[in-house]
Amino acid sequence: MSVKDTQAGGDHYKTLPIQPIEIIRKNGLDFFTGSALKYLLRYKRKHTTADKQIEDLRKAQQFIDFIIEELDQGVENVTDR
């Protein structure tokens, strides 16, 4: 049994054909990118109301904004984090 077979707090990732953790690991994504991806993949599956879906999309947007801010500040290798 894999850790991916259990999920704390629901089953919104288990229902995906490819779970976010697999995409993140196999592609070597950094924390900000992986976090944005996680929220983008789950927003419709975890929440049924528009306000909660928008909340997850805003969370994804915040992680994308972190990446943009670091790029604007000249931080090198943002994606290596």
Protein backbone atom coordinates (compact mmCIF):
# COMPACT_ATOMS: atom_id res chain seq x y z
CA MET A 1 0.00 0.00 0.00
CA SER A 2 1.30 3.42 -0.99
CA VAL A 3 0.95 6.66 0.93
CA LYS A 4 -0.96 7.90 -2.16
CA ASP A 5 -3.66 5.31 -1.41
CA THR A 6 -4.76 7.25 1.67
CA GLN A 7 -5.54 10.93 1.93
CA ALA A 8 -6.13 13.05 5.00
CA GLY A 9 -9.09 15.39 4.66
CA GLY A 10 -11.01 13.92 1.74
CA ASP A 11 -10.54 12.14 -1.55
CA HIS A 12 -10.27 15.04 -3.99
CA TYR A 13 -6.78 13.94 -5.10
CA LYS A 14 -7.40 10.20 -5.09
CA THR A 15 -10.06 10.61 -7.78
CA LEU A 16 -7.56 12.12 -10.22
CA PRO A 17 -5.97 9.79 -12.81
CA ILE A 18 -2.58 11.29 -11.91
CA GLN A 19 -2.26 12.79 -8.43
CA PRO A 20 -0.53 16.16 -7.99
CA ILE A 21 2.31 14.60 -5.98
CA GLU A 22 3.15 12.35 -8.93
CA ILE A 23 3.22 15.29 -11.36
CA ILE A 24 5.28 17.38 -8.93
CA ARG A 25 7.86 14.63 -8.28
CA LYS A 26 8.19 13.39 -11.87
CA ASN A 27 8.64 16.91 -13.20
CA GLY A 28 10.83 18.18 -10.36
CA LEU A 29 8.55 21.13 -9.69
CA ASP A 30 9.45 23.70 -7.07
CA PHE A 31 7.21 24.43 -4.07
CA PHE A 32 5.43 27.45 -5.56
CA THR A 33 4.68 25.74 -8.88
CA GLY A 34 3.62 22.51 -7.22
CA SER A 35 1.33 24.33 -4.82
CA ALA A 36 -0.34 26.31 -7.62
CA LEU A 37 -0.83 23.09 -9.56
CA LYS A 38 -2.36 21.36 -6.55
CA TYR A 39 -4.99 24.07 -6.11
CA LEU A 40 -5.76 24.23 -9.83
CA LEU A 41 -6.32 20.48 -9.97
CA ARG A 42 -8.54 20.29 -6.91
CA TYR A 43 -10.75 23.38 -6.96
CA LYS A 44 -13.70 21.72 -8.72
CA ARG A 45 -13.29 18.34 -7.04
CA LYS A 46 -13.02 19.51 -3.44
CA HIS A 47 -15.60 22.27 -3.50
CA THR A 48 -19.10 22.50 -4.95
CA THR A 49 -19.77 26.16 -4.23
CA ALA A 50 -18.40 29.00 -6.35
CA ASP A 51 -17.05 30.90 -3.33
CA LYS A 52 -14.91 27.93 -2.21
CA GLN A 53 -13.79 27.23 -5.78
CA ILE A 54 -12.74 30.86 -6.14
CA GLU A 55 -10.88 30.62 -2.83
CA ASP A 56 -8.79 27.73 -4.18
CA LEU A 57 -8.18 29.60 -7.43
CA ARG A 58 -7.00 32.63 -5.44
CA LYS A 59 -4.63 30.38 -3.52
CA ALA A 60 -3.22 29.12 -6.82
CA GLN A 61 -2.94 32.69 -8.03
CA GLN A 62 -1.02 33.67 -4.90
CA PHE A 63 1.60 31.00 -5.53
CA ILE A 64 1.91 32.16 -9.14
CA ASP A 65 2.29 35.72 -7.85
CA PHE A 66 5.15 34.53 -5.58
CA ILE A 67 6.93 33.20 -8.67
CA ILE A 68 6.34 36.41 -10.60
CA GLU A 69 7.57 38.52 -7.67
CA GLU A 70 10.79 36.54 -7.41
CA LEU A 71 11.37 36.80 -11.15
CA ASP A 72 10.71 40.55 -10.99
CA GLN A 73 13.27 40.82 -8.19
CA GLY A 74 15.84 38.96 -10.23
CA VAL A 75 15.90 35.85 -8.07
CA GLU A 76 17.80 33.25 -10.04
CA ASN A 77 16.62 29.69 -10.42
CA VAL A 78 13.15 30.28 -9.04
CA THR A 79 12.11 26.88 -10.30
CA ASP A 80 15.01 25.15 -8.50
CA ARG A 81 13.49 25.68 -5.08
